PDB file of all heavy atoms in Angstrom:
ATOM      1  N   GLY A   1       0.797  -1.216  -0.041  1.00  0.00           N
ATOM      2  CA  GLY A   1       0.041  -0.021  -0.021  1.00  0.00           C
ATOM      3  C   GLY A   1       0.820   1.298   0.001  1.00  0.00           C
ATOM      4  O   GLY A   1       0.329   2.380  -0.169  1.00  0.00           O
ATOM      5  N   GLY A   2       2.121   1.109   0.149  1.00  0.00           N
ATOM      6  CA  GLY A   2       3.001   2.274   0.207  1.00  0.00           C
ATOM      7  C   GLY A   2       3.373   2.852  -1.159  1.00  0.00           C
ATOM      8  O   GLY A   2       3.182   2.140  -2.145  1.00  0.00           O
ATOM      9  N   ALA A   3       3.930   4.015  -1.208  1.00  0.00           N
ATOM     10  CA  ALA A   3       4.393   4.587  -2.432  1.00  0.00           C
ATOM     11  C   ALA A   3       5.816   4.836  -2.393  1.00  0.00           C
ATOM     12  O   ALA A   3       6.510   4.464  -1.387  1.00  0.00           O
ATOM     13  CB  ALA A   3       3.586   5.917  -2.652  1.00  0.00           C
ATOM     14  N   GLN A   4       6.403   5.325  -3.419  1.00  0.00           N
ATOM     15  CA  GLN A   4       7.864   5.488  -3.483  1.00  0.00           C
ATOM     16  C   GLN A   4       8.195   6.944  -4.027  1.00  0.00           C
ATOM     17  O   GLN A   4       7.577   7.313  -5.043  1.00  0.00           O
ATOM     18  CB  GLN A   4       8.522   4.460  -4.375  1.00  0.00           C
ATOM     19  CG  GLN A   4      10.036   4.565  -4.422  1.00  0.00           C
ATOM     20  CD  GLN A   4      10.652   3.304  -5.034  1.00  0.00           C
ATOM     21  OE1 GLN A   4      10.777   2.291  -4.440  1.00  0.00           O
ATOM     22  NE2 GLN A   4      11.145   3.455  -6.245  1.00  0.00           N
ATOM     23  N   LEU A   5       9.106   7.617  -3.357  1.00  0.00           N
ATOM     24  CA  LEU A   5       9.545   8.905  -3.831  1.00  0.00           C
ATOM     25  C   LEU A   5      10.908   8.677  -4.473  1.00  0.00           C
ATOM     26  O   LEU A   5      11.765   8.004  -3.902  1.00  0.00           O
ATOM     27  CB  LEU A   5       9.732   9.932  -2.713  1.00  0.00           C
ATOM     28  CG  LEU A   5       8.422  10.259  -1.884  1.00  0.00           C
ATOM     29  CD1 LEU A   5       8.842  11.285  -0.822  1.00  0.00           C
ATOM     30  CD2 LEU A   5       7.356  10.789  -2.757  1.00  0.00           C
ATOM     31  N   THR A   6      11.092   9.198  -5.702  1.00  0.00           N
ATOM     32  CA  THR A   6      12.403   9.094  -6.370  1.00  0.00           C
ATOM     33  C   THR A   6      12.835  10.395  -6.895  1.00  0.00           C
ATOM     34  O   THR A   6      12.106  11.050  -7.579  1.00  0.00           O
ATOM     35  CB  THR A   6      12.293   8.049  -7.560  1.00  0.00           C
ATOM     36  OG1 THR A   6      11.872   6.758  -7.075  1.00  0.00           O
ATOM     37  CG2 THR A   6      13.665   7.888  -8.201  1.00  0.00           C
ATOM     38  N   GLY A   7      14.008  10.834  -6.433  1.00  0.00           N
ATOM     39  CA  GLY A   7      14.514  12.159  -6.883  1.00  0.00           C
ATOM     40  C   GLY A   7      15.924  11.977  -7.304  1.00  0.00           C
ATOM     41  O   GLY A   7      16.513  10.890  -7.353  1.00  0.00           O
ATOM     42  N   ALA A   8      16.576  13.092  -7.756  1.00  0.00           N
ATOM     43  CA  ALA A   8      17.920  13.061  -8.214  1.00  0.00           C
ATOM     44  C   ALA A   8      18.847  12.705  -7.026  1.00  0.00           C
ATOM     45  O   ALA A   8      19.070  13.519  -6.099  1.00  0.00           O
ATOM     46  CB  ALA A   8      18.334  14.396  -8.755  1.00  0.00           C
ATOM     47  N   GLY A   9      19.367  11.453  -6.994  1.00  0.00           N
ATOM     48  CA  GLY A   9      20.273  11.071  -5.931  1.00  0.00           C
ATOM     49  C   GLY A   9      19.668  10.219  -4.815  1.00  0.00           C
ATOM     50  O   GLY A   9      20.435   9.755  -3.967  1.00  0.00           O
ATOM     51  N   PHE A  10      18.318  10.105  -4.755  1.00  0.00           N
ATOM     52  CA  PHE A  10      17.771   9.318  -3.652  1.00  0.00           C
ATOM     53  C   PHE A  10      16.505   8.593  -4.020  1.00  0.00           C
ATOM     54  O   PHE A  10      15.783   8.983  -4.990  1.00  0.00           O
ATOM     55  CB  PHE A  10      17.407  10.250  -2.482  1.00  0.00           C
ATOM     56  CG  PHE A  10      16.168  11.091  -2.674  1.00  0.00           C
ATOM     57  CD1 PHE A  10      14.966  10.673  -2.231  1.00  0.00           C
ATOM     58  CD2 PHE A  10      16.268  12.317  -3.374  1.00  0.00           C
ATOM     59  CE1 PHE A  10      13.822  11.411  -2.454  1.00  0.00           C
ATOM     60  CE2 PHE A  10      15.084  13.082  -3.556  1.00  0.00           C
ATOM     61  CZ  PHE A  10      13.858  12.623  -3.064  1.00  0.00           C
ATOM     62  N   THR A  11      16.140   7.579  -3.253  1.00  0.00           N
ATOM     63  CA  THR A  11      14.890   6.858  -3.345  1.00  0.00           C
ATOM     64  C   THR A  11      14.388   6.607  -1.921  1.00  0.00           C
ATOM     65  O   THR A  11      15.156   6.261  -1.057  1.00  0.00           O
ATOM     66  CB  THR A  11      15.057   5.544  -4.089  1.00  0.00           C
ATOM     67  OG1 THR A  11      15.544   5.801  -5.445  1.00  0.00           O
ATOM     68  CG2 THR A  11      13.703   4.812  -4.201  1.00  0.00           C
ATOM     69  N   LEU A  12      13.079   6.780  -1.775  1.00  0.00           N
ATOM     70  CA  LEU A  12      12.525   6.591  -0.455  1.00  0.00           C
ATOM     71  C   LEU A  12      11.138   5.838  -0.554  1.00  0.00           C
ATOM     72  O   LEU A  12      10.220   6.325  -1.202  1.00  0.00           O
ATOM     73  CB  LEU A  12      12.267   7.939   0.267  1.00  0.00           C
ATOM     74  CG  LEU A  12      11.604   7.894   1.639  1.00  0.00           C
ATOM     75  CD1 LEU A  12      12.413   7.093   2.652  1.00  0.00           C
ATOM     76  CD2 LEU A  12      11.274   9.262   2.181  1.00  0.00           C
ATOM     77  N   GLY A  13      11.091   4.635  -0.001  1.00  0.00           N
ATOM     78  CA  GLY A  13       9.841   3.944   0.067  1.00  0.00           C
ATOM     79  C   GLY A  13       9.049   4.386   1.273  1.00  0.00           C
ATOM     80  O   GLY A  13       9.562   4.363   2.401  1.00  0.00           O
ATOM     81  N   LEU A  14       7.785   4.727   1.066  1.00  0.00           N
ATOM     82  CA  LEU A  14       6.956   5.297   2.110  1.00  0.00           C
ATOM     83  C   LEU A  14       6.129   4.097   2.742  1.00  0.00           C
ATOM     84  O   LEU A  14       5.689   3.186   2.045  1.00  0.00           O
ATOM     85  CB  LEU A  14       5.948   6.261   1.557  1.00  0.00           C
ATOM     86  CG  LEU A  14       6.487   7.488   0.862  1.00  0.00           C
ATOM     87  CD1 LEU A  14       5.390   8.352   0.276  1.00  0.00           C
ATOM     88  CD2 LEU A  14       7.338   8.298   1.851  1.00  0.00           C
ATOM     89  N   PRO A  15       5.896   4.218   4.064  1.00  0.00           N
ATOM     90  CA  PRO A  15       5.076   3.180   4.698  1.00  0.00           C
ATOM     91  C   PRO A  15       3.640   3.275   4.211  1.00  0.00           C
ATOM     92  O   PRO A  15       3.226   4.309   3.660  1.00  0.00           O
ATOM     93  CB  PRO A  15       5.141   3.613   6.185  1.00  0.00           C
ATOM     94  CG  PRO A  15       6.362   4.435   6.300  1.00  0.00           C
ATOM     95  CD  PRO A  15       6.462   5.169   4.982  1.00  0.00           C
ATOM     96  N   ALA A  16       2.914   2.233   4.406  1.00  0.00           N
ATOM     97  CA  ALA A  16       1.483   2.217   3.994  1.00  0.00           C
ATOM     98  C   ALA A  16       0.772   3.403   4.682  1.00  0.00           C
ATOM     99  O   ALA A  16       0.978   3.728   5.895  1.00  0.00           O
ATOM    100  CB  ALA A  16       0.828   0.930   4.346  1.00  0.00           C
ATOM    101  N   GLY A  17      -0.125   4.039   3.928  1.00  0.00           N
ATOM    102  CA  GLY A  17      -0.856   5.157   4.546  1.00  0.00           C
ATOM    103  C   GLY A  17      -0.251   6.465   4.216  1.00  0.00           C
ATOM    104  O   GLY A  17      -0.865   7.538   4.551  1.00  0.00           O
ATOM    105  N   TRP A  18       0.949   6.535   3.718  1.00  0.00           N
ATOM    106  CA  TRP A  18       1.635   7.824   3.338  1.00  0.00           C
ATOM    107  C   TRP A  18       1.445   8.012   1.875  1.00  0.00           C
ATOM    108  O   TRP A  18       1.458   7.138   1.106  1.00  0.00           O
ATOM    109  CB  TRP A  18       3.120   7.745   3.655  1.00  0.00           C
ATOM    110  CG  TRP A  18       3.349   7.924   5.166  1.00  0.00           C
ATOM    111  CD1 TRP A  18       3.096   7.039   6.158  1.00  0.00           C
ATOM    112  CD2 TRP A  18       4.035   9.078   5.770  1.00  0.00           C
ATOM    113  NE1 TRP A  18       3.520   7.543   7.377  1.00  0.00           N
ATOM    114  CE2 TRP A  18       4.062   8.816   7.155  1.00  0.00           C
ATOM    115  CE3 TRP A  18       4.518  10.306   5.320  1.00  0.00           C
ATOM    116  CZ2 TRP A  18       4.595   9.627   8.097  1.00  0.00           C
ATOM    117  CZ3 TRP A  18       5.090  11.138   6.191  1.00  0.00           C
ATOM    118  CH2 TRP A  18       5.092  10.887   7.573  1.00  0.00           C
ATOM    119  N   ALA A  19       1.324   9.281   1.465  1.00  0.00           N
ATOM    120  CA  ALA A  19       1.209   9.575   0.017  1.00  0.00           C
ATOM    121  C   ALA A  19       1.973  10.857  -0.287  1.00  0.00           C
ATOM    122  O   ALA A  19       2.129  11.811   0.574  1.00  0.00           O
ATOM    123  CB  ALA A  19      -0.260   9.836  -0.326  1.00  0.00           C
ATOM    124  N   ALA A  20       2.571  10.940  -1.455  1.00  0.00           N
ATOM    125  CA  ALA A  20       3.244  12.073  -1.931  1.00  0.00           C
ATOM    126  C   ALA A  20       2.334  13.282  -2.094  1.00  0.00           C
ATOM    127  O   ALA A  20       1.204  13.107  -2.526  1.00  0.00           O
ATOM    128  CB  ALA A  20       3.928  11.792  -3.246  1.00  0.00           C
ATOM    129  N   VAL A  21       2.824  14.487  -1.782  1.00  0.00           N
ATOM    130  CA  VAL A  21       2.062  15.736  -1.915  1.00  0.00           C
ATOM    131  C   VAL A  21       3.065  16.755  -2.447  1.00  0.00           C
ATOM    132  O   VAL A  21       4.243  16.598  -2.379  1.00  0.00           O
ATOM    133  CB  VAL A  21       1.425  16.158  -0.621  1.00  0.00           C
ATOM    134  CG1 VAL A  21       0.363  15.220  -0.198  1.00  0.00           C
ATOM    135  CG2 VAL A  21       2.507  16.420   0.434  1.00  0.00           C
ATOM    136  N   ASP A  22       2.489  17.839  -2.972  1.00  0.00           N
ATOM    137  CA  ASP A  22       3.293  18.930  -3.461  1.00  0.00           C
ATOM    138  C   ASP A  22       2.792  20.232  -2.806  1.00  0.00           C
ATOM    139  O   ASP A  22       1.790  20.783  -3.263  1.00  0.00           O
ATOM    140  CB  ASP A  22       3.232  19.059  -4.962  1.00  0.00           C
ATOM    141  CG  ASP A  22       4.095  20.193  -5.512  1.00  0.00           C
ATOM    142  OD1 ASP A  22       4.669  20.975  -4.690  1.00  0.00           O
ATOM    143  OD2 ASP A  22       4.232  20.274  -6.761  1.00  0.00           O
ATOM    144  N   PRO A  23       3.369  20.610  -1.681  1.00  0.00           N
ATOM    145  CA  PRO A  23       2.819  21.869  -0.930  1.00  0.00           C
ATOM    146  C   PRO A  23       3.011  23.088  -1.722  1.00  0.00           C
ATOM    147  O   PRO A  23       2.465  24.143  -1.298  1.00  0.00           O
ATOM    148  CB  PRO A  23       3.683  21.841   0.329  1.00  0.00           C
ATOM    149  CG  PRO A  23       4.896  21.111   0.023  1.00  0.00           C
ATOM    150  CD  PRO A  23       4.527  20.038  -0.983  1.00  0.00           C
ATOM    151  N   THR A  24       3.739  23.147  -2.843  1.00  0.00           N
ATOM    152  CA  THR A  24       3.879  24.330  -3.638  1.00  0.00           C
ATOM    153  C   THR A  24       2.649  24.505  -4.551  1.00  0.00           C
ATOM    154  O   THR A  24       2.490  25.562  -5.098  1.00  0.00           O
ATOM    155  CB  THR A  24       5.160  24.328  -4.528  1.00  0.00           C
ATOM    156  OG1 THR A  24       5.068  23.383  -5.543  1.00  0.00           O
ATOM    157  CG2 THR A  24       6.368  24.044  -3.707  1.00  0.00           C
ATOM    158  N   ARG A  25       1.885  23.447  -4.661  1.00  0.00           N
ATOM    159  CA  ARG A  25       0.650  23.470  -5.554  1.00  0.00           C
ATOM    160  C   ARG A  25      -0.605  23.107  -4.795  1.00  0.00           C
ATOM    161  O   ARG A  25      -1.659  23.641  -5.164  1.00  0.00           O
ATOM    162  CB  ARG A  25       0.829  22.466  -6.726  1.00  0.00           C
ATOM    163  CG  ARG A  25       2.024  22.874  -7.604  1.00  0.00           C
ATOM    164  CD  ARG A  25       2.267  21.787  -8.690  1.00  0.00           C
ATOM    165  NE  ARG A  25       1.103  21.693  -9.562  1.00  0.00           N
ATOM    166  CZ  ARG A  25       0.911  22.500 -10.642  1.00  0.00           C
ATOM    167  NH1 ARG A  25       1.748  23.379 -11.010  1.00  0.00           N
ATOM    168  NH2 ARG A  25      -0.159  22.332 -11.389  1.00  0.00           N
ATOM    169  N   ASP A  26      -0.570  22.222  -3.796  1.00  0.00           N
ATOM    170  CA  ASP A  26      -1.751  21.784  -3.063  1.00  0.00           C
ATOM    171  C   ASP A  26      -2.049  22.810  -2.028  1.00  0.00           C
ATOM    172  O   ASP A  26      -1.343  23.136  -1.154  1.00  0.00           O
ATOM    173  CB  ASP A  26      -1.395  20.452  -2.349  1.00  0.00           C
ATOM    174  CG  ASP A  26      -2.615  19.810  -1.781  1.00  0.00           C
ATOM    175  OD1 ASP A  26      -3.543  20.519  -1.374  1.00  0.00           O
ATOM    176  OD2 ASP A  26      -2.622  18.520  -1.749  1.00  0.00           O
ATOM    177  N   THR A  27      -3.242  23.461  -2.198  1.00  0.00           N
ATOM    178  CA  THR A  27      -3.661  24.510  -1.306  1.00  0.00           C
ATOM    179  C   THR A  27      -4.633  23.993  -0.275  1.00  0.00           C
ATOM    180  O   THR A  27      -5.270  24.842   0.462  1.00  0.00           O
ATOM    181  CB  THR A  27      -4.398  25.635  -2.076  1.00  0.00           C
ATOM    182  OG1 THR A  27      -5.456  25.084  -2.852  1.00  0.00           O
ATOM    183  CG2 THR A  27      -3.369  26.181  -3.105  1.00  0.00           C
ATOM    184  N   SER A  28      -4.815  22.676  -0.046  1.00  0.00           N
ATOM    185  CA  SER A  28      -5.705  22.210   1.008  1.00  0.00           C
ATOM    186  C   SER A  28      -5.268  22.629   2.429  1.00  0.00           C
ATOM    187  O   SER A  28      -4.079  22.859   2.620  1.00  0.00           O
ATOM    188  CB  SER A  28      -5.806  20.691   0.890  1.00  0.00           C
ATOM    189  OG  SER A  28      -4.622  20.084   1.256  1.00  0.00           O
ATOM    190  N   ASP A  29      -6.180  22.726   3.292  1.00  0.00           N
ATOM    191  CA  ASP A  29      -5.808  23.099   4.654  1.00  0.00           C
ATOM    192  C   ASP A  29      -4.859  22.059   5.288  1.00  0.00           C
ATOM    193  O   ASP A  29      -3.975  22.481   6.087  1.00  0.00           O
ATOM    194  CB  ASP A  29      -7.125  23.175   5.533  1.00  0.00           C
ATOM    195  CG  ASP A  29      -7.942  24.449   5.266  1.00  0.00           C
ATOM    196  OD1 ASP A  29      -7.398  25.344   4.532  1.00  0.00           O
ATOM    197  OD2 ASP A  29      -9.050  24.482   5.750  1.00  0.00           O
ATOM    198  N   LEU A  30      -5.050  20.822   5.075  1.00  0.00           N
ATOM    199  CA  LEU A  30      -4.253  19.778   5.640  1.00  0.00           C
ATOM    200  C   LEU A  30      -2.748  19.936   5.166  1.00  0.00           C
ATOM    201  O   LEU A  30      -1.847  19.914   5.995  1.00  0.00           O
ATOM    202  CB  LEU A  30      -4.763  18.409   5.343  1.00  0.00           C
ATOM    203  CG  LEU A  30      -3.982  17.262   6.005  1.00  0.00           C
ATOM    204  CD1 LEU A  30      -3.923  17.427   7.509  1.00  0.00           C
ATOM    205  CD2 LEU A  30      -4.567  15.847   5.598  1.00  0.00           C
ATOM    206  N   VAL A  31      -2.567  20.030   3.911  1.00  0.00           N
ATOM    207  CA  VAL A  31      -1.167  20.174   3.379  1.00  0.00           C
ATOM    208  C   VAL A  31      -0.546  21.510   3.811  1.00  0.00           C
ATOM    209  O   VAL A  31       0.563  21.536   4.256  1.00  0.00           O
ATOM    210  CB  VAL A  31      -1.191  20.037   1.877  1.00  0.00           C
ATOM    211  CG1 VAL A  31       0.238  20.429   1.339  1.00  0.00           C
ATOM    212  CG2 VAL A  31      -1.560  18.578   1.429  1.00  0.00           C
ATOM    213  N   ALA A  32      -1.336  22.532   3.688  1.00  0.00           N
ATOM    214  CA  ALA A  32      -0.800  23.877   4.163  1.00  0.00           C
ATOM    215  C   ALA A  32      -0.451  23.902   5.654  1.00  0.00           C
ATOM    216  O   ALA A  32       0.543  24.384   6.043  1.00  0.00           O
ATOM    217  CB  ALA A  32      -1.797  24.976   3.798  1.00  0.00           C
ATOM    218  N   GLY A  33      -1.412  23.332   6.429  1.00  0.00           N
ATOM    219  CA  GLY A  33      -1.118  23.304   7.885  1.00  0.00           C
ATOM    220  C   GLY A  33       0.004  22.420   8.271  1.00  0.00           C
ATOM    221  O   GLY A  33       0.839  22.746   9.124  1.00  0.00           O
ATOM    222  N   SER A  34       0.181  21.311   7.532  1.00  0.00           N
ATOM    223  CA  SER A  34       1.257  20.403   7.864  1.00  0.00           C
ATOM    224  C   SER A  34       2.680  20.931   7.604  1.00  0.00           C
ATOM    225  O   SER A  34       3.590  20.703   8.340  1.00  0.00           O
ATOM    226  CB  SER A  34       1.108  19.075   7.076  1.00  0.00           C
ATOM    227  OG  SER A  34      -0.125  18.412   7.467  1.00  0.00           O
ATOM    228  N   PHE A  35       2.738  21.793   6.601  1.00  0.00           N
ATOM    229  CA  PHE A  35       4.021  22.307   6.166  1.00  0.00           C
ATOM    230  C   PHE A  35       4.173  23.839   6.564  1.00  0.00           C
ATOM    231  O   PHE A  35       5.062  24.489   6.173  1.00  0.00           O
ATOM    232  CB  PHE A  35       4.283  22.183   4.665  1.00  0.00           C
ATOM    233  CG  PHE A  35       4.508  20.760   4.290  1.00  0.00           C
ATOM    234  CD1 PHE A  35       3.419  20.017   3.817  1.00  0.00           C
ATOM    235  CD2 PHE A  35       5.705  20.173   4.454  1.00  0.00           C
ATOM    236  CE1 PHE A  35       3.574  18.689   3.494  1.00  0.00           C
ATOM    237  CE2 PHE A  35       5.888  18.854   4.148  1.00  0.00           C
ATOM    238  CZ  PHE A  35       4.863  18.061   3.599  1.00  0.00           C
ATOM    239  N   GLY A  36       3.275  24.294   7.466  1.00  0.00           N
ATOM    240  CA  GLY A  36       3.369  25.604   8.104  1.00  0.00           C
ATOM    241  C   GLY A  36       3.131  26.825   7.177  1.00  0.00           C
ATOM    242  O   GLY A  36       3.590  27.865   7.435  1.00  0.00           O
ATOM    243  N   ILE A  37       2.427  26.590   6.088  1.00  0.00           N
ATOM    244  CA  ILE A  37       2.286  27.673   5.102  1.00  0.00           C
ATOM    245  C   ILE A  37       0.823  28.182   5.022  1.00  0.00           C
ATOM    246  O   ILE A  37       0.431  28.958   4.159  1.00  0.00           O
ATOM    247  CB  ILE A  37       2.730  27.284   3.678  1.00  0.00           C
ATOM    248  CG1 ILE A  37       2.042  26.058   3.166  1.00  0.00           C
ATOM    249  CG2 ILE A  37       4.254  27.029   3.732  1.00  0.00           C
ATOM    250  CD1 ILE A  37       2.299  25.721   1.766  1.00  0.00           C
ATOM    251  N   LYS A  38       0.034  27.714   5.989  1.00  0.00           N
ATOM    252  CA  LYS A  38      -1.342  28.150   5.979  1.00  0.00           C
ATOM    253  C   LYS A  38      -1.535  29.569   6.472  1.00  0.00           C
ATOM    254  O   LYS A  38      -2.344  30.390   5.893  1.00  0.00           O
ATOM    255  CB  LYS A  38      -2.199  27.209   6.937  1.00  0.00           C
ATOM    256  CG  LYS A  38      -3.644  27.529   6.942  1.00  0.00           C
ATOM    257  CD  LYS A  38      -4.424  26.540   7.817  1.00  0.00           C
ATOM    258  CE  LYS A  38      -5.927  26.769   7.805  1.00  0.00           C
ATOM    259  NZ  LYS A  38      -6.658  25.803   8.727  1.00  0.00           N
ATOM    260  N   GLU A  39      -0.791  29.942   7.519  1.00  0.00           N
ATOM    261  CA  GLU A  39      -0.883  31.295   8.040  1.00  0.00           C
ATOM    262  C   GLU A  39       0.319  31.493   8.969  1.00  0.00           C
ATOM    263  O   GLU A  39       1.119  30.633   9.182  1.00  0.00           O
ATOM    264  CB  GLU A  39      -2.187  31.489   8.829  1.00  0.00           C
ATOM    265  CG  GLU A  39      -2.355  30.465   9.947  1.00  0.00           C
ATOM    266  CD  GLU A  39      -3.779  30.494  10.537  1.00  0.00           C
ATOM    267  OE1 GLU A  39      -4.623  31.169   9.936  1.00  0.00           O
ATOM    268  OE2 GLU A  39      -3.901  29.925  11.591  1.00  0.00           O
ATOM    269  N   GLY A  40       0.432  32.760   9.540  1.00  0.00           N
ATOM    270  CA  GLY A  40       1.529  32.966  10.400  1.00  0.00           C
ATOM    271  C   GLY A  40       2.611  33.866   9.846  1.00  0.00           C
ATOM    272  O   GLY A  40       2.665  34.089   8.593  1.00  0.00           O
ATOM    273  N   PRO A  41       3.499  34.422  10.665  1.00  0.00           N
ATOM    274  CA  PRO A  41       4.505  35.400  10.172  1.00  0.00           C
ATOM    275  C   PRO A  41       5.545  34.784   9.281  1.00  0.00           C
ATOM    276  O   PRO A  41       6.159  35.523   8.506  1.00  0.00           O
ATOM    277  CB  PRO A  41       5.116  35.901  11.458  1.00  0.00           C
ATOM    278  CG  PRO A  41       4.905  34.751  12.495  1.00  0.00           C
ATOM    279  CD  PRO A  41       3.550  34.204  12.143  1.00  0.00           C
ATOM    280  N   ASN A  42       5.689  33.456   9.284  1.00  0.00           N
ATOM    281  CA  ASN A  42       6.752  32.844   8.432  1.00  0.00           C
ATOM    282  C   ASN A  42       6.162  32.204   7.218  1.00  0.00           C
ATOM    283  O   ASN A  42       6.950  31.580   6.429  1.00  0.00           O
ATOM    284  CB  ASN A  42       7.531  31.786   9.318  1.00  0.00           C
ATOM    285  CG  ASN A  42       8.347  32.451  10.363  1.00  0.00           C
ATOM    286  OD1 ASN A  42       8.992  33.445  10.155  1.00  0.00           O
ATOM    287  ND2 ASN A  42       8.258  31.812  11.600  1.00  0.00           N
TER     288      ASN A  42
END
């Protein structure tokens, strides 16, 4: 049930229940809140 992230120089197998996201494009409250970009001074 897991997914895999593959980038230049690394590979990472995710545990089941984890999914890749792109916080630079995903504007959902959950993604924005998880990565600290929903609100606040930073």
